[in-house]
């Protein structure tokens, strides 16, 4: 699925914020509307920070094999620019 990539969450979050802003602010600006937009923006920002994968700390194949052999769950993700 080439459509879903590392930018999908960011695009979906921006679209959600714009859609909610258009829906809530159609009758004018109210305090509760701004609080709802702020809460959604904060929630999406926290989700992005928590779910954003970072660089792996396991760089040696022997360490990964030792962890797998010890029964420790290891998530392997392979990436390529091609």
PDB file of N, CA and C in Angstrom:
ATOM      1  N   UNK A   1       0.837  -1.175   0.000  1.00  0.00           N
ATOM      2  CA  UNK A   1       0.000   0.000   0.000  1.00  0.00           C
ATOM      3  C   UNK A   1       0.880   1.236   0.000  1.00  0.00           C
ATOM      4  N   UNK A   2       1.157   1.753  -1.149  1.00  0.00           N
ATOM      5  CA  UNK A   2       2.026   2.914  -1.264  1.00  0.00           C
ATOM      6  C   UNK A   2       1.354   4.184  -0.774  1.00  0.00           C
ATOM      7  N   UNK A   3       0.026   4.176  -0.642  1.00  0.00           N
ATOM      8  CA  UNK A   3      -0.680   5.371  -0.207  1.00  0.00           C
ATOM      9  C   UNK A   3      -0.377   5.690   1.257  1.00  0.00           C
ATOM     10  N   UNK A   4      -0.256   4.669   2.095  1.00  0.00           N
ATOM     11  CA  UNK A   4       0.023   4.867   3.516  1.00  0.00           C
ATOM     12  C   UNK A   4       1.524   4.861   3.731  1.00  0.00           C
ATOM     13  N   UNK A   5       2.037   5.957   4.267  1.00  0.00           N
ATOM     14  CA  UNK A   5       3.462   6.055   4.532  1.00  0.00           C
ATOM     15  C   UNK A   5       3.672   6.811   5.840  1.00  0.00           C
ATOM     16  N   UNK A   6       4.891   7.265   6.086  1.00  0.00           N
ATOM     17  CA  UNK A   6       5.190   7.927   7.351  1.00  0.00           C
ATOM     18  C   UNK A   6       4.488   9.273   7.485  1.00  0.00           C
ATOM     19  N   UNK A   7       3.949   9.829   6.410  1.00  0.00           N
ATOM     20  CA  UNK A   7       3.273  11.124   6.482  1.00  0.00           C
ATOM     21  C   UNK A   7       1.757  10.994   6.615  1.00  0.00           C
ATOM     22  N   UNK A   8       1.223   9.789   6.586  1.00  0.00           N
ATOM     23  CA  UNK A   8      -0.221   9.595   6.617  1.00  0.00           C
ATOM     24  C   UNK A   8      -0.852  10.145   7.892  1.00  0.00           C
ATOM     25  N   UNK A   9      -0.224   9.926   9.039  1.00  0.00           N
ATOM     26  CA  UNK A   9      -0.784  10.424  10.301  1.00  0.00           C
ATOM     27  C   UNK A   9      -0.837  11.941  10.307  1.00  0.00           C
ATOM     28  N   UNK A  10       0.224  12.583   9.848  1.00  0.00           N
ATOM     29  CA  UNK A  10       0.271  14.040   9.835  1.00  0.00           C
ATOM     30  C   UNK A  10      -0.808  14.619   8.929  1.00  0.00           C
ATOM     31  N   UNK A  11      -0.988  14.022   7.762  1.00  0.00           N
ATOM     32  CA  UNK A  11      -2.004  14.491   6.824  1.00  0.00           C
ATOM     33  C   UNK A  11      -3.402  14.264   7.392  1.00  0.00           C
ATOM     34  N   UNK A  12      -3.645  13.103   7.981  1.00  0.00           N
ATOM     35  CA  UNK A  12      -4.958  12.811   8.567  1.00  0.00           C
ATOM     36  C   UNK A  12      -5.245  13.722   9.758  1.00  0.00           C
ATOM     37  N   UNK A  13      -4.233  14.022  10.562  1.00  0.00           N
ATOM     38  CA  UNK A  13      -4.421  14.912  11.710  1.00  0.00           C
ATOM     39  C   UNK A  13      -4.753  16.326  11.251  1.00  0.00           C
ATOM     40  N   UNK A  14      -4.056  16.820  10.244  1.00  0.00           N
ATOM     41  CA  UNK A  14      -4.338  18.159   9.728  1.00  0.00           C
ATOM     42  C   UNK A  14      -5.737  18.221   9.126  1.00  0.00           C
ATOM     43  N   UNK A  15      -6.130  17.191   8.386  1.00  0.00           N
ATOM     44  CA  UNK A  15      -7.470  17.159   7.795  1.00  0.00           C
ATOM     45  C   UNK A  15      -8.539  17.112   8.888  1.00  0.00           C
ATOM     46  N   UNK A  16      -8.282  16.359   9.953  1.00  0.00           N
ATOM     47  CA  UNK A  16      -9.237  16.288  11.058  1.00  0.00           C
ATOM     48  C   UNK A  16      -9.393  17.633  11.756  1.00  0.00           C
ATOM     49  N   UNK A  17      -8.284  18.314  11.978  1.00  0.00           N
ATOM     50  CA  UNK A  17      -8.339  19.632  12.613  1.00  0.00           C
ATOM     51  C   UNK A  17      -9.091  20.633  11.743  1.00  0.00           C
ATOM     52  N   UNK A  18      -8.827  20.631  10.444  1.00  0.00           N
ATOM     53  CA  UNK A  18      -9.520  21.550   9.550  1.00  0.00           C
ATOM     54  C   UNK A  18     -11.012  21.247   9.472  1.00  0.00           C
ATOM     55  N   UNK A  19     -11.365  19.964   9.417  1.00  0.00           N
ATOM     56  CA  UNK A  19     -12.777  19.584   9.351  1.00  0.00           C
ATOM     57  C   UNK A  19     -13.498  19.976  10.642  1.00  0.00           C
ATOM     58  N   UNK A  20     -12.882  19.723  11.781  1.00  0.00           N
ATOM     59  CA  UNK A  20     -13.512  20.099  13.043  1.00  0.00           C
ATOM     60  C   UNK A  20     -13.610  21.611  13.183  1.00  0.00           C
ATOM     61  N   UNK A  21     -12.588  22.327  12.747  1.00  0.00           N
ATOM     62  CA  UNK A  21     -12.629  23.784  12.810  1.00  0.00           C
ATOM     63  C   UNK A  21     -13.755  24.330  11.940  1.00  0.00           C
ATOM     64  N   UNK A  22     -13.905  23.792  10.740  1.00  0.00           N
ATOM     65  CA  UNK A  22     -14.988  24.243   9.855  1.00  0.00           C
ATOM     66  C   UNK A  22     -16.345  23.933  10.464  1.00  0.00           C
ATOM     67  N   UNK A  23     -16.475  22.776  11.093  1.00  0.00           N
ATOM     68  CA  UNK A  23     -17.751  22.383  11.684  1.00  0.00           C
ATOM     69  C   UNK A  23     -18.094  23.216  12.917  1.00  0.00           C
ATOM     70  N   UNK A  24     -17.117  23.406  13.803  1.00  0.00           N
ATOM     71  CA  UNK A  24     -17.376  24.102  15.060  1.00  0.00           C
ATOM     72  C   UNK A  24     -17.500  25.617  14.885  1.00  0.00           C
ATOM     73  N   UNK A  25     -16.760  26.164  13.956  1.00  0.00           N
ATOM     74  CA  UNK A  25     -16.711  27.618  13.823  1.00  0.00           C
ATOM     75  C   UNK A  25     -17.677  28.157  12.779  1.00  0.00           C
ATOM     76  N   UNK A  26     -18.585  27.343  12.279  1.00  0.00           N
ATOM     77  CA  UNK A  26     -19.507  27.790  11.237  1.00  0.00           C
ATOM     78  C   UNK A  26     -20.499  28.828  11.752  1.00  0.00           C
ATOM     79  N   UNK A  27     -20.763  28.834  13.059  1.00  0.00           N
ATOM     80  CA  UNK A  27     -21.704  29.788  13.635  1.00  0.00           C
ATOM     81  C   UNK A  27     -21.002  30.917  14.383  1.00  0.00           C
ATOM     82  N   UNK A  28     -19.723  31.017  14.243  1.00  0.00           N
ATOM     83  CA  UNK A  28     -18.969  32.039  14.965  1.00  0.00           C
ATOM     84  C   UNK A  28     -18.063  31.411  16.005  1.00  0.00           C
ATOM     85  N   UNK A  29     -17.164  32.209  16.527  1.00  0.00           N
ATOM     86  CA  UNK A  29     -16.172  31.714  17.480  1.00  0.00           C
ATOM     87  C   UNK A  29     -16.758  31.744  18.888  1.00  0.00           C
ATOM     88  N   UNK A  30     -16.684  30.596  19.554  1.00  0.00           N
ATOM     89  CA  UNK A  30     -17.091  30.479  20.958  1.00  0.00           C
ATOM     90  C   UNK A  30     -15.948  29.846  21.729  1.00  0.00           C
ATOM     91  N   UNK A  31     -15.933  30.086  23.020  1.00  0.00           N
ATOM     92  CA  UNK A  31     -14.867  29.549  23.870  1.00  0.00           C
ATOM     93  C   UNK A  31     -14.830  28.036  23.887  1.00  0.00           C
ATOM     94  N   UNK A  32     -16.007  27.409  23.918  1.00  0.00           N
ATOM     95  CA  UNK A  32     -16.038  25.948  23.959  1.00  0.00           C
ATOM     96  C   UNK A  32     -15.534  25.352  22.644  1.00  0.00           C
ATOM     97  N   UNK A  33     -15.773  26.047  21.537  1.00  0.00           N
ATOM     98  CA  UNK A  33     -15.267  25.575  20.250  1.00  0.00           C
ATOM     99  C   UNK A  33     -13.745  25.621  20.210  1.00  0.00           C
ATOM    100  N   UNK A  34     -13.193  26.704  20.719  1.00  0.00           N
ATOM    101  CA  UNK A  34     -11.736  26.822  20.747  1.00  0.00           C
ATOM    102  C   UNK A  34     -11.118  25.796  21.687  1.00  0.00           C
ATOM    103  N   UNK A  35     -11.789  25.490  22.781  1.00  0.00           N
ATOM    104  CA  UNK A  35     -11.282  24.465  23.698  1.00  0.00           C
ATOM    105  C   UNK A  35     -11.313  23.094  23.040  1.00  0.00           C
ATOM    106  N   UNK A  36     -12.358  22.798  22.267  1.00  0.00           N
ATOM    107  CA  UNK A  36     -12.450  21.517  21.572  1.00  0.00           C
ATOM    108  C   UNK A  36     -11.340  21.391  20.532  1.00  0.00           C
ATOM    109  N   UNK A  37     -11.091  22.465  19.785  1.00  0.00           N
ATOM    110  CA  UNK A  37      -9.997  22.441  18.807  1.00  0.00           C
ATOM    111  C   UNK A  37      -8.639  22.283  19.490  1.00  0.00           C
ATOM    112  N   UNK A  38      -8.450  22.980  20.585  1.00  0.00           N
ATOM    113  CA  UNK A  38      -7.191  22.863  21.325  1.00  0.00           C
ATOM    114  C   UNK A  38      -6.981  21.469  21.890  1.00  0.00           C
ATOM    115  N   UNK A  39      -8.067  20.875  22.405  1.00  0.00           N
ATOM    116  CA  UNK A  39      -7.957  19.518  22.953  1.00  0.00           C
ATOM    117  C   UNK A  39      -7.627  18.518  21.864  1.00  0.00           C
ATOM    118  N   UNK A  40      -8.252  18.668  20.699  1.00  0.00           N
ATOM    119  CA  UNK A  40      -7.948  17.761  19.589  1.00  0.00           C
ATOM    120  C   UNK A  40      -6.514  17.945  19.122  1.00  0.00           C
ATOM    121  N   UNK A  41      -6.076  19.188  18.994  1.00  0.00           N
ATOM    122  CA  UNK A  41      -4.699  19.443  18.566  1.00  0.00           C
ATOM    123  C   UNK A  41      -3.697  18.874  19.572  1.00  0.00           C
ATOM    124  N   UNK A  42      -3.974  19.058  20.846  1.00  0.00           N
ATOM    125  CA  UNK A  42      -3.089  18.521  21.883  1.00  0.00           C
ATOM    126  C   UNK A  42      -3.069  16.996  21.846  1.00  0.00           C
ATOM    127  N   UNK A  43      -4.237  16.380  21.709  1.00  0.00           N
ATOM    128  CA  UNK A  43      -4.301  14.919  21.641  1.00  0.00           C
ATOM    129  C   UNK A  43      -3.571  14.363  20.432  1.00  0.00           C
ATOM    130  N   UNK A  44      -3.745  14.998  19.280  1.00  0.00           N
ATOM    131  CA  UNK A  44      -3.052  14.533  18.077  1.00  0.00           C
ATOM    132  C   UNK A  44      -1.547  14.746  18.181  1.00  0.00           C
ATOM    133  N   UNK A  45      -1.147  15.857  18.802  1.00  0.00           N
ATOM    134  CA  UNK A  45       0.284  16.092  19.004  1.00  0.00           C
ATOM    135  C   UNK A  45       0.914  15.065  19.931  1.00  0.00           C
ATOM    136  N   UNK A  46       0.222  14.750  21.015  1.00  0.00           N
ATOM    137  CA  UNK A  46       0.733  13.722  21.929  1.00  0.00           C
ATOM    138  C   UNK A  46       0.775  12.347  21.269  1.00  0.00           C
ATOM    139  N   UNK A  47      -0.256  12.029  20.496  1.00  0.00           N
ATOM    140  CA  UNK A  47      -0.263  10.748  19.786  1.00  0.00           C
ATOM    141  C   UNK A  47       0.899  10.669  18.813  1.00  0.00           C
ATOM    142  N   UNK A  48       1.189  11.766  18.126  1.00  0.00           N
ATOM    143  CA  UNK A  48       2.311  11.774  17.191  1.00  0.00           C
ATOM    144  C   UNK A  48       3.630  11.549  17.918  1.00  0.00           C
ATOM    145  N   UNK A  49       3.811  12.212  19.048  1.00  0.00           N
ATOM    146  CA  UNK A  49       5.055  12.053  19.796  1.00  0.00           C
ATOM    147  C   UNK A  49       5.201  10.646  20.362  1.00  0.00           C
ATOM    148  N   UNK A  50       4.098  10.061  20.838  1.00  0.00           N
ATOM    149  CA  UNK A  50       4.170   8.730  21.437  1.00  0.00           C
ATOM    150  C   UNK A  50       4.302   7.623  20.401  1.00  0.00           C
ATOM    151  N   UNK A  51       3.692   7.806  19.237  1.00  0.00           N
ATOM    152  CA  UNK A  51       3.679   6.755  18.220  1.00  0.00           C
ATOM    153  C   UNK A  51       4.779   6.900  17.182  1.00  0.00           C
ATOM    154  N   UNK A  52       5.498   8.004  17.199  1.00  0.00           N
ATOM    155  CA  UNK A  52       6.543   8.234  16.220  1.00  0.00           C
ATOM    156  C   UNK A  52       7.739   7.325  16.516  1.00  0.00           C
ATOM    157  N   UNK A  53       8.078   6.446  15.591  1.00  0.00           N
ATOM    158  CA  UNK A  53       9.208   5.547  15.852  1.00  0.00           C
ATOM    159  C   UNK A  53      10.516   6.317  15.811  1.00  0.00           C
ATOM    160  N   UNK A  54      11.388   5.965  16.685  1.00  0.00           N
ATOM    161  CA  UNK A  54      12.699   6.602  16.725  1.00  0.00           C
ATOM    162  C   UNK A  54      13.760   5.683  16.157  1.00  0.00           C
ATOM    163  N   UNK A  55      14.960   6.110  16.218  1.00  0.00           N
ATOM    164  CA  UNK A  55      16.065   5.296  15.744  1.00  0.00           C
ATOM    165  C   UNK A  55      16.235   4.085  16.656  1.00  0.00           C
ATOM    166  N   UNK A  56      16.592   2.992  16.072  1.00  0.00           N
ATOM    167  CA  UNK A  56      16.755   1.764  16.832  1.00  0.00           C
ATOM    168  C   UNK A  56      18.007   1.825  17.691  1.00  0.00           C
ATOM    169  N   UNK A  57      17.916   1.242  18.854  1.00  0.00           N
ATOM    170  CA  UNK A  57      19.085   1.134  19.714  1.00  0.00           C
ATOM    171  C   UNK A  57      19.812  -0.182  19.476  1.00  0.00           C
ATOM    172  N   UNK A  58      19.196  -1.081  18.719  1.00  0.00           N
ATOM    173  CA  UNK A  58      19.817  -2.370  18.403  1.00  0.00           C
ATOM    174  C   UNK A  58      20.427  -2.287  17.014  1.00  0.00           C
ATOM    175  N   UNK A  59      21.751  -2.218  16.962  1.00  0.00           N
ATOM    176  CA  UNK A  59      22.416  -2.088  15.670  1.00  0.00           C
ATOM    177  C   UNK A  59      23.190  -3.342  15.276  1.00  0.00           C
ATOM    178  N   UNK A  60      23.484  -4.188  16.208  1.00  0.00           N
ATOM    179  CA  UNK A  60      24.247  -5.398  15.919  1.00  0.00           C
ATOM    180  C   UNK A  60      23.323  -6.595  15.802  1.00  0.00           C
ATOM    181  N   UNK A  61      23.534  -7.400  14.792  1.00  0.00           N
ATOM    182  CA  UNK A  61      22.695  -8.577  14.556  1.00  0.00           C
ATOM    183  C   UNK A  61      22.804  -9.572  15.712  1.00  0.00           C
ATOM    184  N   UNK A  62      23.961  -9.678  16.326  1.00  0.00           N
ATOM    185  CA  UNK A  62      24.142 -10.623  17.428  1.00  0.00           C
ATOM    186  C   UNK A  62      23.277 -10.246  18.625  1.00  0.00           C
ATOM    187  N   UNK A  63      23.149  -8.959  18.884  1.00  0.00           N
ATOM    188  CA  UNK A  63      22.339  -8.495  20.008  1.00  0.00           C
ATOM    189  C   UNK A  63      20.869  -8.823  19.758  1.00  0.00           C
ATOM    190  N   UNK A  64      20.413  -8.615  18.531  1.00  0.00           N
ATOM    191  CA  UNK A  64      19.024  -8.919  18.179  1.00  0.00           C
ATOM    192  C   UNK A  64      18.774 -10.411  18.305  1.00  0.00           C
ATOM    193  N   UNK A  65      19.686 -11.229  17.801  1.00  0.00           N
ATOM    194  CA  UNK A  65      19.524 -12.677  17.902  1.00  0.00           C
ATOM    195  C   UNK A  65      19.525 -13.135  19.353  1.00  0.00           C
ATOM    196  N   UNK A  66      20.335 -12.509  20.188  1.00  0.00           N
ATOM    197  CA  UNK A  66      20.362 -12.866  21.607  1.00  0.00           C
ATOM    198  C   UNK A  66      19.039 -12.505  22.277  1.00  0.00           C
ATOM    199  N   UNK A  67      18.474 -11.365  21.918  1.00  0.00           N
ATOM    200  CA  UNK A  67      17.183 -10.974  22.500  1.00  0.00           C
ATOM    201  C   UNK A  67      16.065 -11.891  22.039  1.00  0.00           C
ATOM    202  N   UNK A  68      16.082 -12.264  20.763  1.00  0.00           N
ATOM    203  CA  UNK A  68      15.061 -13.183  20.258  1.00  0.00           C
ATOM    204  C   UNK A  68      15.201 -14.535  20.944  1.00  0.00           C
ATOM    205  N   UNK A  69      16.432 -14.998  21.108  1.00  0.00           N
ATOM    206  CA  UNK A  69      16.672 -16.275  21.762  1.00  0.00           C
ATOM    207  C   UNK A  69      16.297 -16.265  23.232  1.00  0.00           C
ATOM    208  N   UNK A  70      16.313 -15.092  23.865  1.00  0.00           N
ATOM    209  CA  UNK A  70      15.979 -14.979  25.283  1.00  0.00           C
ATOM    210  C   UNK A  70      14.481 -14.841  25.514  1.00  0.00           C
ATOM    211  N   UNK A  71      13.715 -14.769  24.434  1.00  0.00           N
ATOM    212  CA  UNK A  71      12.267 -14.659  24.575  1.00  0.00           C
ATOM    213  C   UNK A  71      11.761 -13.234  24.710  1.00  0.00           C
ATOM    214  N   UNK A  72      12.628 -12.265  24.487  1.00  0.00           N
ATOM    215  CA  UNK A  72      12.229 -10.857  24.553  1.00  0.00           C
ATOM    216  C   UNK A  72      11.593 -10.485  23.210  1.00  0.00           C
ATOM    217  N   UNK A  73      10.391  -9.889  23.221  1.00  0.00           N
ATOM    218  CA  UNK A  73       9.773  -9.488  21.945  1.00  0.00           C
ATOM    219  C   UNK A  73      10.616  -8.435  21.229  1.00  0.00           C
ATOM    220  N   UNK A  74      10.841  -8.653  19.949  1.00  0.00           N
ATOM    221  CA  UNK A  74      11.637  -7.739  19.135  1.00  0.00           C
ATOM    222  C   UNK A  74      10.847  -7.447  17.870  1.00  0.00           C
ATOM    223  N   UNK A  75      10.635  -6.177  17.572  1.00  0.00           N
ATOM    224  CA  UNK A  75       9.952  -5.768  16.350  1.00  0.00           C
ATOM    225  C   UNK A  75      11.005  -5.382  15.324  1.00  0.00           C
ATOM    226  N   UNK A  76      10.981  -6.052  14.192  1.00  0.00           N
ATOM    227  CA  UNK A  76      11.922  -5.763  13.127  1.00  0.00           C
ATOM    228  C   UNK A  76      11.173  -5.023  12.021  1.00  0.00           C
ATOM    229  N   UNK A  77      11.702  -3.889  11.625  1.00  0.00           N
ATOM    230  CA  UNK A  77      11.116  -3.102  10.534  1.00  0.00           C
ATOM    231  C   UNK A  77      12.191  -2.871   9.502  1.00  0.00           C
ATOM    232  N   UNK A  78      11.913  -3.242   8.277  1.00  0.00           N
ATOM    233  CA  UNK A  78      12.863  -3.076   7.197  1.00  0.00           C
ATOM    234  C   UNK A  78      12.393  -1.946   6.302  1.00  0.00           C
ATOM    235  N   UNK A  79      13.300  -1.044   5.946  1.00  0.00           N
ATOM    236  CA  UNK A  79      12.960   0.078   5.096  1.00  0.00           C
ATOM    237  C   UNK A  79      13.929   0.161   3.936  1.00  0.00           C
ATOM    238  N   UNK A  80      13.439   0.700   2.864  1.00  0.00           N
ATOM    239  CA  UNK A  80      14.262   0.914   1.692  1.00  0.00           C
ATOM    240  C   UNK A  80      13.760   2.150   0.975  1.00  0.00           C
ATOM    241  N   UNK A  81      14.668   2.895   0.373  1.00  0.00           N
ATOM    242  CA  UNK A  81      14.267   4.073  -0.377  1.00  0.00           C
ATOM    243  C   UNK A  81      13.794   3.695  -1.779  1.00  0.00           C
ATOM    244  N   UNK A  82      13.971   2.450  -2.165  1.00  0.00           N
ATOM    245  CA  UNK A  82      13.603   2.025  -3.509  1.00  0.00           C
ATOM    246  C   UNK A  82      12.274   1.325  -3.516  1.00  0.00           C
TER     247      UNK A  82
END
